């Protein structure tokens, strides 16, 4: 007997789980960790910016009152992942020589990868917790992940 399950991703977690998904996703896209999210006012004035909120996300406020950001860079583009005041995950894309539309497209691709990493980790963890065995995994050209599981 076979079953096909299609998942709609919803991100609800603590900040450490989100940062792990960010680290895994952005590394695969060639981004590296950056030291800080603050720029000088002169430097910031010349940057193009695009902010994108991750729909269906909530970062739980276990560490309320602390600023939570992850900053990554690639080829002069900086992505700042953070928790907004409502608890949603958002990414602010910044860079010179790129249009707002280009930055938004790169940011949306980052968000897709982060969401996929988060959901993949949650699924694998849940399967192990339920004593299910992963028989096979495939990643297709369009980055669709297929996981075959055996339940005893």
C-alpha atoms as a PDB file:
ATOM      1  CA  UNK A   1       0.000   0.000   0.000  1.00  0.00           C
ATOM      2  CA  UNK A   2       1.335   3.455  -0.921  1.00  0.00           C
ATOM      3  CA  UNK A   3       0.387   6.921   0.148  1.00  0.00           C
ATOM      4  CA  UNK A   4       1.420  10.250  -1.300  1.00  0.00           C
ATOM      5  CA  UNK A   5       1.488  13.207   1.052  1.00  0.00           C
ATOM      6  CA  UNK A   6       1.912  16.773  -0.155  1.00  0.00           C
ATOM      7  CA  UNK A   7       2.804  19.219   2.589  1.00  0.00           C
ATOM      8  CA  UNK A   8       1.968  22.896   2.807  1.00  0.00           C
ATOM      9  CA  UNK A   9       4.784  24.497   4.757  1.00  0.00           C
ATOM     10  CA  UNK A  10       4.024  26.472   7.878  1.00  0.00           C
ATOM     11  CA  UNK A  11       6.949  27.665   9.932  1.00  0.00           C
ATOM     12  CA  UNK A  12       6.259  27.824  13.663  1.00  0.00           C
ATOM     13  CA  UNK A  13       9.311  27.374  15.824  1.00  0.00           C
ATOM     14  CA  UNK A  14      11.905  28.840  18.141  1.00  0.00           C
ATOM     15  CA  UNK A  15      14.686  31.021  16.715  1.00  0.00           C
ATOM     16  CA  UNK A  16      17.420  28.307  16.941  1.00  0.00           C
ATOM     17  CA  UNK A  17      15.465  25.987  14.623  1.00  0.00           C
ATOM     18  CA  UNK A  18      14.981  28.821  12.162  1.00  0.00           C
ATOM     19  CA  UNK A  19      18.672  29.759  12.207  1.00  0.00           C
ATOM     20  CA  UNK A  20      19.640  26.140  11.507  1.00  0.00           C
ATOM     21  CA  UNK A  21      17.358  26.099   8.455  1.00  0.00           C
ATOM     22  CA  UNK A  22      18.753  29.450   7.319  1.00  0.00           C
ATOM     23  CA  UNK A  23      22.342  28.226   7.655  1.00  0.00           C
ATOM     24  CA  UNK A  24      21.664  25.049   5.669  1.00  0.00           C
ATOM     25  CA  UNK A  25      19.744  26.823   2.912  1.00  0.00           C
ATOM     26  CA  UNK A  26      21.944  29.847   2.348  1.00  0.00           C
ATOM     27  CA  UNK A  27      25.156  27.819   2.351  1.00  0.00           C
ATOM     28  CA  UNK A  28      23.857  25.802  -0.585  1.00  0.00           C
ATOM     29  CA  UNK A  29      23.221  29.071  -2.445  1.00  0.00           C
ATOM     30  CA  UNK A  30      26.732  30.442  -1.926  1.00  0.00           C
ATOM     31  CA  UNK A  31      25.958  32.900   0.860  1.00  0.00           C
ATOM     32  CA  UNK A  32      28.264  33.217   3.871  1.00  0.00           C
ATOM     33  CA  UNK A  33      27.662  34.573   7.356  1.00  0.00           C
ATOM     34  CA  UNK A  34      28.293  38.299   7.783  1.00  0.00           C
ATOM     35  CA  UNK A  35      29.331  40.035  10.958  1.00  0.00           C
ATOM     36  CA  UNK A  36      26.606  42.614  11.482  1.00  0.00           C
ATOM     37  CA  UNK A  37      23.392  43.988  10.075  1.00  0.00           C
ATOM     38  CA  UNK A  38      24.259  47.622  10.744  1.00  0.00           C
ATOM     39  CA  UNK A  39      25.621  49.839   7.984  1.00  0.00           C
ATOM     40  CA  UNK A  40      26.810  53.419   8.155  1.00  0.00           C
ATOM     41  CA  UNK A  41      24.168  55.978   7.176  1.00  0.00           C
ATOM     42  CA  UNK A  42      26.155  57.008   4.089  1.00  0.00           C
ATOM     43  CA  UNK A  43      26.610  53.391   2.972  1.00  0.00           C
ATOM     44  CA  UNK A  44      22.956  52.542   3.678  1.00  0.00           C
ATOM     45  CA  UNK A  45      21.691  55.498   1.630  1.00  0.00           C
ATOM     46  CA  UNK A  46      23.187  54.104  -1.594  1.00  0.00           C
ATOM     47  CA  UNK A  47      21.747  50.610  -1.251  1.00  0.00           C
ATOM     48  CA  UNK A  48      18.630  49.303  -2.927  1.00  0.00           C
ATOM     49  CA  UNK A  49      16.374  47.412  -0.480  1.00  0.00           C
ATOM     50  CA  UNK A  50      13.550  44.897  -0.664  1.00  0.00           C
ATOM     51  CA  UNK A  51      11.734  43.494   2.383  1.00  0.00           C
ATOM     52  CA  UNK A  52       9.878  40.211   2.193  1.00  0.00           C
ATOM     53  CA  UNK A  53       7.732  38.644   4.908  1.00  0.00           C
ATOM     54  CA  UNK A  54       7.543  34.868   5.073  1.00  0.00           C
ATOM     55  CA  UNK A  55       3.871  33.962   4.896  1.00  0.00           C
ATOM     56  CA  UNK A  56       2.572  31.388   7.366  1.00  0.00           C
ATOM     57  CA  UNK A  57       5.503  31.842   9.725  1.00  0.00           C
ATOM     58  CA  UNK A  58       5.718  32.487  13.425  1.00  0.00           C
ATOM     59  CA  UNK A  59       8.856  32.573  15.487  1.00  0.00           C
ATOM     60  CA  UNK A  60       7.919  31.873  19.061  1.00  0.00           C
ATOM     61  CA  UNK A  61       8.976  34.506  21.570  1.00  0.00           C
ATOM     62  CA  UNK A  62      11.027  32.401  23.985  1.00  0.00           C
ATOM     63  CA  UNK A  63      13.680  35.098  23.937  1.00  0.00           C
ATOM     64  CA  UNK A  64      11.379  38.102  23.810  1.00  0.00           C
ATOM     65  CA  UNK A  65      13.056  41.461  23.973  1.00  0.00           C
ATOM     66  CA  UNK A  66      16.265  40.348  22.278  1.00  0.00           C
ATOM     67  CA  UNK A  67      17.068  41.270  18.717  1.00  0.00           C
ATOM     68  CA  UNK A  68      17.244  38.165  16.592  1.00  0.00           C
ATOM     69  CA  UNK A  69      18.898  38.456  13.201  1.00  0.00           C
ATOM     70  CA  UNK A  70      20.996  36.367  10.872  1.00  0.00           C
ATOM     71  CA  UNK A  71      23.003  38.260   8.260  1.00  0.00           C
ATOM     72  CA  UNK A  72      24.432  36.566   5.164  1.00  0.00           C
ATOM     73  CA  UNK A  73      26.183  37.937   2.078  1.00  0.00           C
ATOM     74  CA  UNK A  74      27.044  36.942  -1.469  1.00  0.00           C
ATOM     75  CA  UNK A  75      28.522  39.057  -4.271  1.00  0.00           C
ATOM     76  CA  UNK A  76      27.626  42.398  -2.669  1.00  0.00           C
ATOM     77  CA  UNK A  77      24.113  41.313  -1.715  1.00  0.00           C
ATOM     78  CA  UNK A  78      23.216  41.180   1.961  1.00  0.00           C
ATOM     79  CA  UNK A  79      20.236  39.297   3.362  1.00  0.00           C
ATOM     80  CA  UNK A  80      19.104  40.076   6.902  1.00  0.00           C
ATOM     81  CA  UNK A  81      16.718  37.481   8.367  1.00  0.00           C
ATOM     82  CA  UNK A  82      14.804  38.675  11.416  1.00  0.00           C
ATOM     83  CA  UNK A  83      11.675  38.330  13.514  1.00  0.00           C
ATOM     84  CA  UNK A  84       9.257  41.228  13.156  1.00  0.00           C
ATOM     85  CA  UNK A  85       7.154  42.625  16.018  1.00  0.00           C
ATOM     86  CA  UNK A  86       4.312  40.191  15.259  1.00  0.00           C
ATOM     87  CA  UNK A  87       6.672  37.215  15.350  1.00  0.00           C
ATOM     88  CA  UNK A  88       6.785  36.584  11.590  1.00  0.00           C
ATOM     89  CA  UNK A  89      10.022  35.738   9.823  1.00  0.00           C
ATOM     90  CA  UNK A  90      11.133  38.367   7.327  1.00  0.00           C
ATOM     91  CA  UNK A  91      14.165  38.972   5.129  1.00  0.00           C
ATOM     92  CA  UNK A  92      15.529  42.345   4.079  1.00  0.00           C
ATOM     93  CA  UNK A  93      17.615  42.188   0.912  1.00  0.00           C
ATOM     94  CA  UNK A  94      20.183  44.936   0.363  1.00  0.00           C
ATOM     95  CA  UNK A  95      22.652  45.541  -2.443  1.00  0.00           C
ATOM     96  CA  UNK A  96      24.165  47.901  -4.960  1.00  0.00           C
ATOM     97  CA  UNK A  97      23.831  47.418  -8.692  1.00  0.00           C
ATOM     98  CA  UNK A  98      20.635  45.367  -8.398  1.00  0.00           C
ATOM     99  CA  UNK A  99      17.063  46.521  -8.845  1.00  0.00           C
ATOM    100  CA  UNK A 100      14.477  46.111  -6.132  1.00  0.00           C
ATOM    101  CA  UNK A 101      12.813  43.424  -8.283  1.00  0.00           C
ATOM    102  CA  UNK A 102      16.087  41.478  -8.596  1.00  0.00           C
ATOM    103  CA  UNK A 103      16.679  41.671  -4.843  1.00  0.00           C
ATOM    104  CA  UNK A 104      13.117  40.546  -4.182  1.00  0.00           C
ATOM    105  CA  UNK A 105      13.537  37.567  -6.529  1.00  0.00           C
ATOM    106  CA  UNK A 106      16.754  36.495  -4.779  1.00  0.00           C
ATOM    107  CA  UNK A 107      15.071  36.979  -1.392  1.00  0.00           C
ATOM    108  CA  UNK A 108      12.082  34.864  -2.394  1.00  0.00           C
ATOM    109  CA  UNK A 109      14.403  32.092  -3.561  1.00  0.00           C
ATOM    110  CA  UNK A 110      16.197  32.264  -0.204  1.00  0.00           C
ATOM    111  CA  UNK A 111      12.869  32.039   1.622  1.00  0.00           C
ATOM    112  CA  UNK A 112      11.820  29.024  -0.460  1.00  0.00           C
ATOM    113  CA  UNK A 113      15.064  27.243   0.396  1.00  0.00           C
ATOM    114  CA  UNK A 114      14.845  28.115   4.098  1.00  0.00           C
ATOM    115  CA  UNK A 115      11.239  26.898   4.218  1.00  0.00           C
ATOM    116  CA  UNK A 116      12.173  23.672   2.450  1.00  0.00           C
ATOM    117  CA  UNK A 117      15.069  23.036   4.854  1.00  0.00           C
ATOM    118  CA  UNK A 118      12.871  23.731   7.870  1.00  0.00           C
ATOM    119  CA  UNK A 119      10.073  21.444   6.668  1.00  0.00           C
ATOM    120  CA  UNK A 120      12.513  18.684   5.657  1.00  0.00           C
ATOM    121  CA  UNK A 121      14.151  18.734   9.097  1.00  0.00           C
ATOM    122  CA  UNK A 122      10.769  18.682  10.862  1.00  0.00           C
ATOM    123  CA  UNK A 123       9.536  15.752   8.768  1.00  0.00           C
ATOM    124  CA  UNK A 124      12.684  13.676   9.279  1.00  0.00           C
ATOM    125  CA  UNK A 125      12.634  14.396  13.025  1.00  0.00           C
ATOM    126  CA  UNK A 126       8.961  13.453  13.280  1.00  0.00           C
ATOM    127  CA  UNK A 127       9.486  10.232  11.321  1.00  0.00           C
ATOM    128  CA  UNK A 128      12.334   9.192  13.624  1.00  0.00           C
ATOM    129  CA  UNK A 129      10.257  10.069  16.676  1.00  0.00           C
ATOM    130  CA  UNK A 130       7.501   7.761  15.390  1.00  0.00           C
ATOM    131  CA  UNK A 131      10.014   4.943  14.730  1.00  0.00           C
ATOM    132  CA  UNK A 132       9.516   5.034  10.985  1.00  0.00           C
ATOM    133  CA  UNK A 133      12.350   4.067   8.660  1.00  0.00           C
ATOM    134  CA  UNK A 134      13.369   6.208   5.716  1.00  0.00           C
ATOM    135  CA  UNK A 135      13.859   3.758   2.869  1.00  0.00           C
ATOM    136  CA  UNK A 136      14.814   6.181   0.095  1.00  0.00           C
ATOM    137  CA  UNK A 137      15.190   9.893  -0.573  1.00  0.00           C
ATOM    138  CA  UNK A 138      15.289  11.623  -3.941  1.00  0.00           C
ATOM    139  CA  UNK A 139      15.848  15.253  -4.829  1.00  0.00           C
ATOM    140  CA  UNK A 140      14.515  16.000  -8.293  1.00  0.00           C
ATOM    141  CA  UNK A 141      15.767  18.671 -10.699  1.00  0.00           C
ATOM    142  CA  UNK A 142      13.087  21.106  -9.524  1.00  0.00           C
ATOM    143  CA  UNK A 143      14.267  20.517  -5.894  1.00  0.00           C
ATOM    144  CA  UNK A 144      11.186  18.432  -5.044  1.00  0.00           C
ATOM    145  CA  UNK A 145      12.123  16.015  -2.278  1.00  0.00           C
ATOM    146  CA  UNK A 146      10.609  12.554  -2.270  1.00  0.00           C
ATOM    147  CA  UNK A 147      10.968  10.481   0.883  1.00  0.00           C
ATOM    148  CA  UNK A 148       9.957   6.813   0.970  1.00  0.00           C
ATOM    149  CA  UNK A 149       9.112   5.600   4.451  1.00  0.00           C
ATOM    150  CA  UNK A 150       8.424   2.200   5.947  1.00  0.00           C
ATOM    151  CA  UNK A 151       6.187   1.919   8.970  1.00  0.00           C
ATOM    152  CA  UNK A 152       6.456  -1.290  10.922  1.00  0.00           C
END
